Protein backbone atom coordinates (compact mmCIF):
# COMPACT_ATOMS: atom_id res chain seq x y z
CA MET A 1 -0.75 1.94 20.73
CA ASP A 2 -4.18 2.15 22.10
CA THR A 3 -5.46 -1.07 20.73
CA THR A 4 -3.94 -4.37 19.47
CA PRO A 5 -5.40 -6.09 16.48
CA THR A 6 -6.18 -9.65 16.60
CA GLY A 7 -6.52 -10.26 12.90
CA ARG A 8 -6.61 -8.73 9.42
CA PRO A 9 -9.11 -5.71 8.50
CA ARG A 10 -12.12 -7.25 6.71
CA HIS A 11 -14.44 -5.42 4.31
CA THR A 12 -15.74 -6.00 0.70
CA ARG A 13 -13.61 -5.66 -2.24
CA ARG A 14 -15.79 -2.78 -3.58
CA GLY A 15 -15.16 -0.38 -0.85
CA GLY A 16 -12.64 1.33 1.03
CA LEU A 17 -11.75 1.31 4.67
CA SER A 18 -13.57 4.16 6.26
CA ALA A 19 -16.01 1.80 8.16
CA VAL A 20 -12.80 0.10 9.56
CA LEU A 21 -10.98 3.24 10.43
CA ALA A 22 -14.00 4.86 12.18
CA ALA A 23 -14.13 2.02 14.66
CA CYS A 24 -10.40 2.05 15.42
CA THR A 25 -8.29 3.93 17.85
CA ALA A 26 -4.77 4.46 16.62
CA THR A 27 -3.56 1.07 15.59
CA THR A 28 -0.56 1.42 13.41
CA ILE A 29 0.27 -0.38 10.24
CA THR A 30 3.96 -0.64 9.71
CA LEU A 31 6.17 -1.27 6.60
CA ALA A 32 9.06 -3.20 7.81
CA GLY A 33 11.97 -2.69 5.67
CA CYS A 34 13.16 0.27 3.71
CA THR A 35 15.50 0.42 6.53
CA THR A 36 18.26 -1.55 8.28
CA THR A 37 16.84 -2.24 11.60
CA GLY A 38 13.27 -1.51 12.04
CA PRO A 39 9.72 -0.68 10.86
CA VAL A 40 8.25 2.30 9.28
CA SER A 41 5.02 3.66 9.97
CA LEU A 42 2.37 3.62 6.99
CA GLY A 43 -0.71 4.75 8.96
CA GLU A 44 -3.45 3.47 11.16
CA LEU A 45 -5.75 0.92 10.74
CA SER A 46 -7.72 -1.54 13.06
CA PRO A 47 -9.55 -5.07 12.15
CA HIS A 48 -13.17 -5.19 11.48
CA PRO A 49 -14.38 -8.96 11.93
CA GLY A 50 -17.59 -8.55 10.33
CA ILE A 51 -16.67 -8.62 6.74
CA THR A 52 -14.77 -10.87 4.45
CA THR A 53 -11.70 -9.88 2.73
CA PRO A 54 -10.88 -10.32 -1.22
CA ALA A 55 -8.29 -12.83 -0.76
CA GLU A 56 -10.76 -15.08 1.34
CA THR A 57 -13.87 -14.77 -1.16
CA ALA A 58 -12.17 -14.44 -4.67
CA VAL A 59 -9.55 -15.73 -6.81
CA LEU A 60 -9.34 -12.33 -8.66
CA ARG A 61 -6.16 -10.52 -7.46
CA PRO A 62 -3.49 -8.19 -9.17
CA ASP A 63 -0.41 -10.23 -10.09
CA HIS A 64 1.74 -7.62 -12.07
CA LEU A 65 2.60 -3.89 -12.15
CA VAL A 66 4.18 -1.85 -14.91
CA ILE A 67 5.08 1.74 -14.28
CA PRO A 68 6.99 2.90 -17.48
CA ALA A 69 7.97 6.26 -16.41
CA ILE A 70 10.36 4.75 -13.63
CA ARG A 71 10.96 1.48 -15.35
CA VAL A 72 9.13 -0.64 -12.66
CA ASP A 73 8.14 -4.01 -14.02
CA THR A 74 7.36 -6.64 -11.31
CA ASP A 75 5.06 -9.19 -10.08
CA LEU A 76 2.99 -8.74 -7.34
CA MET A 77 2.57 -10.78 -4.10
CA ASP A 78 -0.33 -10.65 -1.42
CA LEU A 79 0.17 -8.58 1.78
CA GLY A 80 -1.89 -9.02 4.86
CA LEU A 81 -1.58 -8.11 8.35
CA GLU A 82 0.60 -9.78 10.83
CA SER A 83 -1.07 -10.71 14.41
CA ASP A 84 0.48 -7.57 15.87
CA GLY A 85 -1.19 -5.21 13.34
CA THR A 86 1.93 -4.67 11.29
CA LEU A 87 1.58 -5.05 7.55
CA GLU A 88 3.08 -7.81 5.92
CA VAL A 89 5.93 -6.75 3.50
CA PRO A 90 7.85 -8.37 0.75
CA PRO A 91 10.70 -10.44 2.02
CA GLY A 92 13.16 -8.58 -0.07
CA ALA A 93 13.95 -5.66 -2.46
CA PHE A 94 11.50 -7.20 -5.01
CA PRO A 95 8.67 -7.84 -5.70
CA ALA A 96 5.95 -5.13 -4.67
CA GLY A 97 2.86 -6.31 -2.97
CA TRP A 98 -0.92 -5.90 -2.85
CA TYR A 99 -2.52 -5.41 0.54
CA THR A 100 -5.51 -8.03 0.31
CA GLY A 101 -7.54 -5.71 2.84
CA SER A 102 -7.98 -3.27 -0.01
CA PRO A 103 -9.82 -3.44 -3.46
CA VAL A 104 -8.45 -5.22 -6.38
CA PRO A 105 -6.87 -2.44 -8.72
CA GLY A 106 -9.84 -1.38 -11.03
CA ASP A 107 -12.49 -2.17 -8.58
CA LEU A 108 -14.39 0.73 -6.64
CA GLY A 109 -12.22 2.13 -3.86
CA PRO A 110 -8.48 2.77 -3.16
CA ALA A 111 -6.20 -0.43 -4.04
CA VAL A 112 -3.03 -0.31 -2.09
CA LEU A 113 0.15 -1.49 -3.05
CA ALA A 114 3.56 -1.21 -1.05
CA GLY A 115 7.20 -1.83 -1.78
CA HIS A 116 10.78 -1.06 -0.65
CA VAL A 117 12.66 1.81 -1.54
CA ASP A 118 15.63 -0.30 -0.66
CA TRP A 119 16.50 -3.45 1.31
CA ASN A 120 19.69 -4.11 3.07
CA GLY A 121 21.79 -2.24 0.64
CA GLU A 122 19.83 -3.38 -2.57
CA THR A 123 18.04 -0.91 -4.40
CA GLY A 124 14.07 -1.65 -3.90
CA VAL A 125 11.30 -1.93 -6.55
CA PHE A 126 9.86 1.61 -5.48
CA HIS A 127 13.14 3.43 -5.49
CA ARG A 128 12.18 5.85 -7.70
CA LEU A 129 8.45 6.26 -6.80
CA HIS A 130 9.12 9.75 -5.79
CA GLU A 131 10.11 10.65 -9.34
CA LEU A 132 6.57 9.90 -10.68
CA GLU A 133 4.76 13.07 -11.74
CA PRO A 134 0.81 13.83 -12.55
CA GLY A 135 -0.16 12.05 -15.89
CA ASP A 136 2.39 9.30 -15.71
CA GLU A 137 0.65 5.53 -16.13
CA ILE A 138 0.26 2.87 -13.60
CA ILE A 139 -0.68 -0.44 -15.19
CA THR A 140 -1.78 -3.59 -13.27
CA ARG A 141 -2.65 -6.75 -14.66
CA ARG A 142 -5.30 -9.07 -13.07
CA THR A 143 -5.51 -12.77 -12.85
CA ASP A 144 -8.57 -12.89 -14.90
CA GLY A 145 -6.44 -11.51 -17.78
CA THR A 146 -7.68 -7.80 -17.70
CA THR A 147 -5.56 -4.77 -16.99
CA ALA A 148 -6.47 -1.70 -14.98
CA VAL A 149 -4.60 1.59 -15.95
CA PHE A 150 -4.28 4.44 -13.58
CA ARG A 151 -3.09 7.93 -14.36
CA VAL A 152 -1.14 9.67 -11.48
CA GLY A 153 -2.64 12.68 -9.95
CA ARG A 154 -0.39 13.53 -7.23
CA VAL A 155 2.74 12.38 -5.22
CA GLU A 156 3.12 13.49 -1.57
CA ASN A 157 5.76 13.09 1.23
CA TYR A 158 4.46 12.78 4.53
CA ALA A 159 6.40 12.64 8.01
CA LYS A 160 5.61 9.25 9.43
CA THR A 161 3.92 10.88 12.41
CA GLU A 162 1.55 12.79 10.13
CA PHE A 163 0.55 9.69 7.74
CA PRO A 164 -3.07 10.73 6.29
CA THR A 165 -4.68 7.46 7.03
CA LEU A 166 -8.18 8.56 5.66
CA ASP A 167 -6.60 9.83 2.39
CA VAL A 168 -4.87 6.60 1.76
CA TYR A 169 -7.16 3.94 2.88
CA GLY A 170 -10.65 6.03 3.14
CA ASP A 171 -13.74 5.30 0.78
CA ILE A 172 -13.56 7.06 -2.51
CA ASP A 173 -16.38 7.07 -5.13
CA HIS A 174 -14.13 5.61 -7.98
CA PRO A 175 -11.55 3.04 -8.59
CA GLY A 176 -8.16 4.25 -7.37
CA ILE A 177 -4.71 3.14 -6.52
CA ARG A 178 -2.07 4.24 -3.78
CA LEU A 179 1.58 3.24 -3.94
CA ILE A 180 3.41 3.53 -0.74
CA THR A 181 6.95 3.30 0.13
CA CYS A 182 9.61 5.01 2.42
CA GLY A 183 10.94 8.46 1.75
CA GLY A 184 12.72 11.42 3.02
CA GLU A 185 15.91 11.29 4.96
CA PHE A 186 17.37 8.17 6.64
CA ASP A 187 17.47 8.53 10.24
CA THR A 188 20.51 6.50 11.20
CA ALA A 189 19.90 6.35 14.76
CA ALA A 190 16.56 4.98 14.35
CA GLY A 191 17.60 2.89 11.33
CA SER A 192 14.84 3.84 9.20
CA TYR A 193 13.58 6.72 6.86
CA ARG A 194 11.69 9.63 8.44
CA ASP A 195 8.89 9.69 5.83
CA ASN A 196 6.58 8.07 3.51
CA THR A 197 5.96 8.72 0.04
CA VAL A 198 2.57 7.96 -1.34
CA VAL A 199 1.38 7.98 -5.15
CA TYR A 200 -2.40 8.77 -5.68
CA ALA A 201 -3.76 7.66 -9.13
CA ASP A 202 -7.17 7.30 -10.52
CA LEU A 203 -8.55 4.40 -13.04
CA VAL A 204 -8.29 5.59 -16.86
CA THR A 205 -9.24 2.32 -18.52
């Protein structure tokens, strides 16, 4: 890595992360898990110390996720960044987690949720994420009792070395959501999956 983060990326709830990304130099967010021995790269990000995160300024957050097409019905936990720049991940196969450096689902910008495809031999919450198709619904419930419903636009699989950081974390002009897990073949030598699966969806209601 060219840089080592010293804290969480910080920006307002209503924007994406393009300002953060413009200031960074290849700092890697990793998703530990979806593997037996090591981390799996999600993309690149770097801290931006001048703006506060949603988790520090507001109680509002997503607390539940439902994806009917693949029978996902799970609570959501908060995910931040570790001191070394790695993304905090759920401690087991369930639940999924919301990255607190991204917008609350339903607010302007790309909300980012991550979960395991498997964990120590146990099927993970996002095990069937790759099966989603355009038009499938993603439903998030927020702590204020409201729901934000998204419709899948596309599902992509990327080699870890070609993760599209700006597409996933960058600013967009509408509320969206990104679901991320591991994908592709399992590399037994490395102890991790070779790819990442990313679902892109936009707000419906």
